[in-house]
C-alpha atoms as a PDB file:
ATOM      1  CA  MET A   1      54.391  -2.223  -9.922  1.00  0.00           C
ATOM      2  CA  ARG A   2      52.507  -3.479 -12.950  1.00  0.00           C
ATOM      3  CA  VAL A   3      50.505  -5.914 -10.798  1.00  0.00           C
ATOM      4  CA  ARG A   4      49.555  -3.144  -8.420  1.00  0.00           C
ATOM      5  CA  MET A   5      48.170  -1.044 -11.291  1.00  0.00           C
ATOM      6  CA  ASN A   6      46.106  -3.964 -12.593  1.00  0.00           C
ATOM      7  CA  LEU A   7      44.723  -4.554  -9.101  1.00  0.00           C
ATOM      8  CA  ARG A   8      43.615  -0.921  -8.845  1.00  0.00           C
ATOM      9  CA  GLN A   9      41.957  -1.132 -12.241  1.00  0.00           C
ATOM     10  CA  CYS A  10      40.156  -4.328 -11.237  1.00  0.00           C
ATOM     11  CA  VAL A  11      38.933  -2.744  -8.000  1.00  0.00           C
ATOM     12  CA  TRP A  12      37.771   0.346  -9.917  1.00  0.00           C
ATOM     13  CA  VAL A  13      35.929  -1.709 -12.529  1.00  0.00           C
ATOM     14  CA  LEU A  14      34.326  -3.825  -9.797  1.00  0.00           C
ATOM     15  CA  ALA A  15      33.206  -0.702  -7.887  1.00  0.00           C
ATOM     16  CA  VAL A  16      31.645   0.812 -11.010  1.00  0.00           C
ATOM     17  CA  ALA A  17      29.890  -2.443 -11.876  1.00  0.00           C
ATOM     18  CA  LEU A  18      28.507  -2.836  -8.348  1.00  0.00           C
ATOM     19  CA  SER A  19      27.237   0.736  -8.204  1.00  0.00           C
ATOM     20  CA  ALA A  20      25.562   0.332 -11.579  1.00  0.00           C
ATOM     21  CA  GLY A  21      23.910  -2.881 -10.408  1.00  0.00           C
ATOM     22  CA  ILE A  22      22.698  -1.300  -7.172  1.00  0.00           C
ATOM     23  CA  THR A  23      21.369   1.769  -8.981  1.00  0.00           C
ATOM     24  CA  GLY A  24      19.559  -0.373 -11.532  1.00  0.00           C
ATOM     25  CA  GLY A  25      18.000  -2.487  -8.785  1.00  0.00           C
ATOM     26  CA  THR A  26      16.844   0.619  -6.920  1.00  0.00           C
ATOM     27  CA  VAL A  27      15.213   2.057 -10.031  1.00  0.00           C
ATOM     28  CA  ARG A  28      13.352  -1.215 -10.647  1.00  0.00           C
ATOM     29  CA  ALA A  29      12.230  -1.443  -7.010  1.00  0.00           C
ATOM     30  CA  ALA A  30      10.990   2.143  -7.049  1.00  0.00           C
ATOM     31  CA  ALA A  31       8.994   1.512 -10.220  1.00  0.00           C
ATOM     32  CA  SER A  32       7.242  -1.594  -8.907  1.00  0.00           C
ATOM     33  CA  PRO A  33       4.776  -0.083  -6.391  1.00  0.00           C
ATOM     34  CA  SER A  34       3.258   2.249  -8.974  1.00  0.00           C
ATOM     35  CA  SER A  35       1.997  -0.723 -10.953  1.00  0.00           C
ATOM     36  CA  GLN A  36       0.193  -1.999  -7.839  1.00  0.00           C
ATOM     37  CA  ASP A  37      -1.535   1.342  -7.217  1.00  0.00           C
ATOM     38  CA  GLN A  38      -3.488   1.194 -10.452  1.00  0.00           C
ATOM     39  CA  GLY A  39      -6.553  -0.457  -8.887  1.00  0.00           C
ATOM     40  CA  HIS A  40      -7.698   2.475  -6.724  1.00  0.00           C
ATOM     41  CA  ASP A  41     -11.389   1.611  -6.795  1.00  0.00           C
ATOM     42  CA  GLN A  42     -11.213  -2.060  -6.000  1.00  0.00           C
ATOM     43  CA  ASP A  43     -14.222  -4.169  -5.114  1.00  0.00           C
ATOM     44  CA  TYR A  44     -13.693  -5.010  -1.460  1.00  0.00           C
ATOM     45  CA  SER A  45     -17.210  -6.386  -0.923  1.00  0.00           C
ATOM     46  CA  LYS A  46     -15.958  -9.934  -0.257  1.00  0.00           C
ATOM     47  CA  ASN A  47     -13.145  -8.747   2.043  1.00  0.00           C
ATOM     48  CA  LYS A  48     -13.759  -9.516   5.739  1.00  0.00           C
ATOM     49  CA  ASN A  49     -12.368  -6.126   6.781  1.00  0.00           C
ATOM     50  CA  TYR A  50     -14.791  -4.425   4.410  1.00  0.00           C
ATOM     51  CA  GLN A  51     -17.632  -6.347   6.059  1.00  0.00           C
ATOM     52  CA  VAL A  52     -16.464  -5.264   9.541  1.00  0.00           C
ATOM     53  CA  GLY A  53     -16.256  -1.661   8.327  1.00  0.00           C
ATOM     54  CA  MET A  54     -19.733  -1.900   6.827  1.00  0.00           C
ATOM     55  CA  ARG A  55     -21.125  -3.215  10.129  1.00  0.00           C
ATOM     56  CA  ASP A  56     -19.354  -0.489  12.134  1.00  0.00           C
ATOM     57  CA  GLY A  57     -20.550   2.202   9.729  1.00  0.00           C
ATOM     58  CA  LYS A  58     -24.163   1.049   9.902  1.00  0.00           C
ATOM     59  CA  GLY A  59     -23.974   0.895  13.693  1.00  0.00           C
ATOM     60  CA  ASP A  60     -22.553   4.396  13.947  1.00  0.00           C
ATOM     61  CA  LYS A  61     -25.208   5.736  11.588  1.00  0.00           C
ATOM     62  CA  ALA A  62     -27.969   4.092  13.655  1.00  0.00           C
ATOM     63  CA  HIS A  63     -26.591   5.695  16.835  1.00  0.00           C
ATOM     64  CA  ASN A  64     -25.817   9.024  15.123  1.00  0.00           C
ATOM     65  CA  LYS A  65     -22.063   8.651  15.682  1.00  0.00           C
ATOM     66  CA  ASP A  66     -19.115   9.230  13.427  1.00  0.00           C
ATOM     67  CA  HIS A  67     -16.315   6.682  13.434  1.00  0.00           C
ATOM     68  CA  SER A  68     -16.747   5.682  17.069  1.00  0.00           C
ATOM     69  CA  LYS A  69     -14.398   2.704  16.640  1.00  0.00           C
ATOM     70  CA  LYS A  70     -10.867   3.421  15.537  1.00  0.00           C
ATOM     71  CA  ARG A  71      -9.461   0.273  13.980  1.00  0.00           C
ATOM     72  CA  ASN A  72      -5.922   0.029  12.688  1.00  0.00           C
ATOM     73  CA  PHE A  73      -4.685  -2.754  10.473  1.00  0.00           C
ATOM     74  CA  LYS A  74      -1.111  -3.810   9.798  1.00  0.00           C
ATOM     75  CA  LYS A  75      -1.635  -3.960   6.049  1.00  0.00           C
ATOM     76  CA  ASP A  76      -2.567  -0.840   4.129  1.00  0.00           C
ATOM     77  CA  GLU A  77      -4.889  -2.860   1.901  1.00  0.00           C
ATOM     78  CA  ASP A  78      -6.856  -4.092   4.943  1.00  0.00           C
ATOM     79  CA  GLN A  79      -7.202  -0.512   6.198  1.00  0.00           C
ATOM     80  CA  LYS A  80      -8.472   0.619   2.797  1.00  0.00           C
ATOM     81  CA  ALA A  81     -11.008  -2.200   2.687  1.00  0.00           C
ATOM     82  CA  TYR A  82     -12.273  -1.352   6.195  1.00  0.00           C
ATOM     83  CA  GLU A  83     -12.560   2.371   5.429  1.00  0.00           C
ATOM     84  CA  SER A  84     -14.366   1.658   2.174  1.00  0.00           C
ATOM     85  CA  GLY A  85     -16.851  -0.573   4.004  1.00  0.00           C
ATOM     86  CA  TYR A  86     -17.303   1.934   6.806  1.00  0.00           C
ATOM     87  CA  GLN A  87     -18.079   4.748   4.390  1.00  0.00           C
ATOM     88  CA  GLN A  88     -20.540   2.579   2.505  1.00  0.00           C
ATOM     89  CA  GLY A  89     -22.241   1.457   5.725  1.00  0.00           C
ATOM     90  CA  HIS A  90     -22.356   4.938   7.239  1.00  0.00           C
ATOM     91  CA  GLN A  91     -23.846   6.472   4.097  1.00  0.00           C
ATOM     92  CA  GLY A  92     -26.478   3.750   3.973  1.00  0.00           C
ATOM     93  CA  ASP A  93     -29.501   4.351   1.803  1.00  0.00           C
ATOM     94  CA  GLN A  94     -29.498   8.090   1.181  1.00  0.00           C
ATOM     95  CA  HIS A  95     -32.266   7.850  -1.425  1.00  0.00           C
ATOM     96  CA  GLY A  96     -35.114   7.415   1.052  1.00  0.00           C
ATOM     97  CA  HIS A  97     -34.321  10.529   3.156  1.00  0.00           C
END
């Protein structure tokens, strides 16, 4: 009977330790992405997707269109670079108008 009680205590201690470890890991994982989001206004000018977006934006502006090509990228960062380039290209030189 004594052995059975020790086994229950061991299982209980192990369960508590595992849940604490899982909870701690989840908190760390949830905190990580926020540190990556700090660079909202990144310089994408050397990014190839930015360049494609810039070209598409200029082309749409020249033909008086708005986002005629819908491009989707697997990575969120690539999509952001493309959209940033498109906006820059579509706005063009507003000073001369």
